[in-house]
Amino acid sequence: MLRSALVVPSLKQVALYEPPLSLKGSSPTSWVARYDREIAQGKLPQALVTVIKGIPVDPLLAALPR
């Protein structure tokens, strides 16, 4: 994606997501194995829900049902 922004003249804007970095356990990582499995199986919506529920950003989002 970032490379495309450099070489495609018609591409004016890009949105990038940088995953959180856990320093000394500051962010839980127990969700990563499930996320990896879901990505490998092509279950992209489920993988997104796993990230949303796994990263403690918003309690409302963490309460989403699977």
C-alpha atoms as a PDB file:
ATOM      1  CA  MET A   1       0.000   0.000   0.000  1.00  0.00           C
ATOM      2  CA  LEU A   2       2.659   2.509   0.944  1.00  0.00           C
ATOM      3  CA  ARG A   3       4.663   1.641  -2.156  1.00  0.00           C
ATOM      4  CA  SER A   4       1.563   2.251  -4.291  1.00  0.00           C
ATOM      5  CA  ALA A   5       1.327   5.780  -2.898  1.00  0.00           C
ATOM      6  CA  LEU A   6       4.801   6.431  -4.254  1.00  0.00           C
ATOM      7  CA  VAL A   7       4.330   5.037  -7.749  1.00  0.00           C
ATOM      8  CA  VAL A   8       0.648   5.589  -8.672  1.00  0.00           C
ATOM      9  CA  PRO A   9       0.199   9.236  -9.713  1.00  0.00           C
ATOM     10  CA  SER A  10      -3.595   9.164  -9.388  1.00  0.00           C
ATOM     11  CA  LEU A  11      -3.394   8.031  -5.755  1.00  0.00           C
ATOM     12  CA  LYS A  12      -3.636  11.239  -3.724  1.00  0.00           C
ATOM     13  CA  GLN A  13      -4.174   9.931  -0.193  1.00  0.00           C
ATOM     14  CA  VAL A  14      -3.647   6.734   1.775  1.00  0.00           C
ATOM     15  CA  ALA A  15      -4.750   5.673   5.230  1.00  0.00           C
ATOM     16  CA  LEU A  16      -2.294   3.503   7.135  1.00  0.00           C
ATOM     17  CA  TYR A  17      -2.774   1.520  10.312  1.00  0.00           C
ATOM     18  CA  GLU A  18       0.132   0.856  12.605  1.00  0.00           C
ATOM     19  CA  PRO A  19      -0.547  -1.982  15.036  1.00  0.00           C
ATOM     20  CA  PRO A  20       0.152  -1.240  18.697  1.00  0.00           C
ATOM     21  CA  LEU A  21       3.490  -2.188  20.160  1.00  0.00           C
ATOM     22  CA  SER A  22       3.431  -3.926  23.529  1.00  0.00           C
ATOM     23  CA  LEU A  23       6.282  -2.845  25.762  1.00  0.00           C
ATOM     24  CA  LYS A  24       6.871  -5.022  28.820  1.00  0.00           C
ATOM     25  CA  GLY A  25       3.298  -6.330  28.724  1.00  0.00           C
ATOM     26  CA  SER A  26       1.684  -2.893  28.390  1.00  0.00           C
ATOM     27  CA  SER A  27      -0.762  -4.247  25.821  1.00  0.00           C
ATOM     28  CA  PRO A  28      -2.229  -7.752  25.913  1.00  0.00           C
ATOM     29  CA  THR A  29      -1.108 -10.087  23.148  1.00  0.00           C
ATOM     30  CA  SER A  30      -3.151 -13.198  23.969  1.00  0.00           C
ATOM     31  CA  TRP A  31      -5.452 -12.425  21.023  1.00  0.00           C
ATOM     32  CA  VAL A  32      -2.654 -12.578  18.404  1.00  0.00           C
ATOM     33  CA  ALA A  33      -2.707 -16.380  17.902  1.00  0.00           C
ATOM     34  CA  ARG A  34      -6.455 -16.336  17.220  1.00  0.00           C
ATOM     35  CA  TYR A  35      -6.008 -13.390  14.855  1.00  0.00           C
ATOM     36  CA  ASP A  36      -3.261 -15.227  12.945  1.00  0.00           C
ATOM     37  CA  ARG A  37      -5.487 -18.316  12.571  1.00  0.00           C
ATOM     38  CA  GLU A  38      -8.425 -16.262  11.320  1.00  0.00           C
ATOM     39  CA  ILE A  39      -6.248 -14.402   8.799  1.00  0.00           C
ATOM     40  CA  ALA A  40      -4.769 -17.701   7.560  1.00  0.00           C
ATOM     41  CA  GLN A  41      -8.294 -19.093   7.121  1.00  0.00           C
ATOM     42  CA  GLY A  42      -9.439 -15.999   5.224  1.00  0.00           C
ATOM     43  CA  LYS A  43     -11.851 -14.997   7.996  1.00  0.00           C
ATOM     44  CA  LEU A  44     -11.162 -11.279   7.727  1.00  0.00           C
ATOM     45  CA  PRO A  45     -14.287  -9.956   9.522  1.00  0.00           C
ATOM     46  CA  GLN A  46     -13.651 -12.324  12.435  1.00  0.00           C
ATOM     47  CA  ALA A  47      -9.999 -11.264  12.552  1.00  0.00           C
ATOM     48  CA  LEU A  48     -11.062  -7.618  12.767  1.00  0.00           C
ATOM     49  CA  VAL A  49     -13.375  -8.403  15.682  1.00  0.00           C
ATOM     50  CA  THR A  50     -10.531 -10.278  17.390  1.00  0.00           C
ATOM     51  CA  VAL A  51      -8.305  -7.201  17.135  1.00  0.00           C
ATOM     52  CA  ILE A  52     -11.050  -4.860  18.371  1.00  0.00           C
ATOM     53  CA  LYS A  53     -11.788  -7.091  21.357  1.00  0.00           C
ATOM     54  CA  GLY A  54      -8.122  -7.851  22.035  1.00  0.00           C
ATOM     55  CA  ILE A  55      -6.773  -4.317  22.188  1.00  0.00           C
ATOM     56  CA  PRO A  56      -8.234  -2.441  25.171  1.00  0.00           C
ATOM     57  CA  VAL A  57      -8.993   0.850  23.426  1.00  0.00           C
ATOM     58  CA  ASP A  58     -12.704   1.314  24.030  1.00  0.00           C
ATOM     59  CA  PRO A  59     -14.782  -0.677  26.542  1.00  0.00           C
ATOM     60  CA  LEU A  60     -17.844  -0.349  24.301  1.00  0.00           C
ATOM     61  CA  LEU A  61     -16.035  -1.969  21.380  1.00  0.00           C
ATOM     62  CA  ALA A  62     -14.596  -4.660  23.628  1.00  0.00           C
ATOM     63  CA  ALA A  63     -18.192  -5.561  24.614  1.00  0.00           C
ATOM     64  CA  LEU A  64     -19.127  -6.370  20.996  1.00  0.00           C
ATOM     65  CA  PRO A  65     -20.472  -9.882  20.593  1.00  0.00           C
ATOM     66  CA  ARG A  66     -18.652 -12.256  18.301  1.00  0.00           C
END
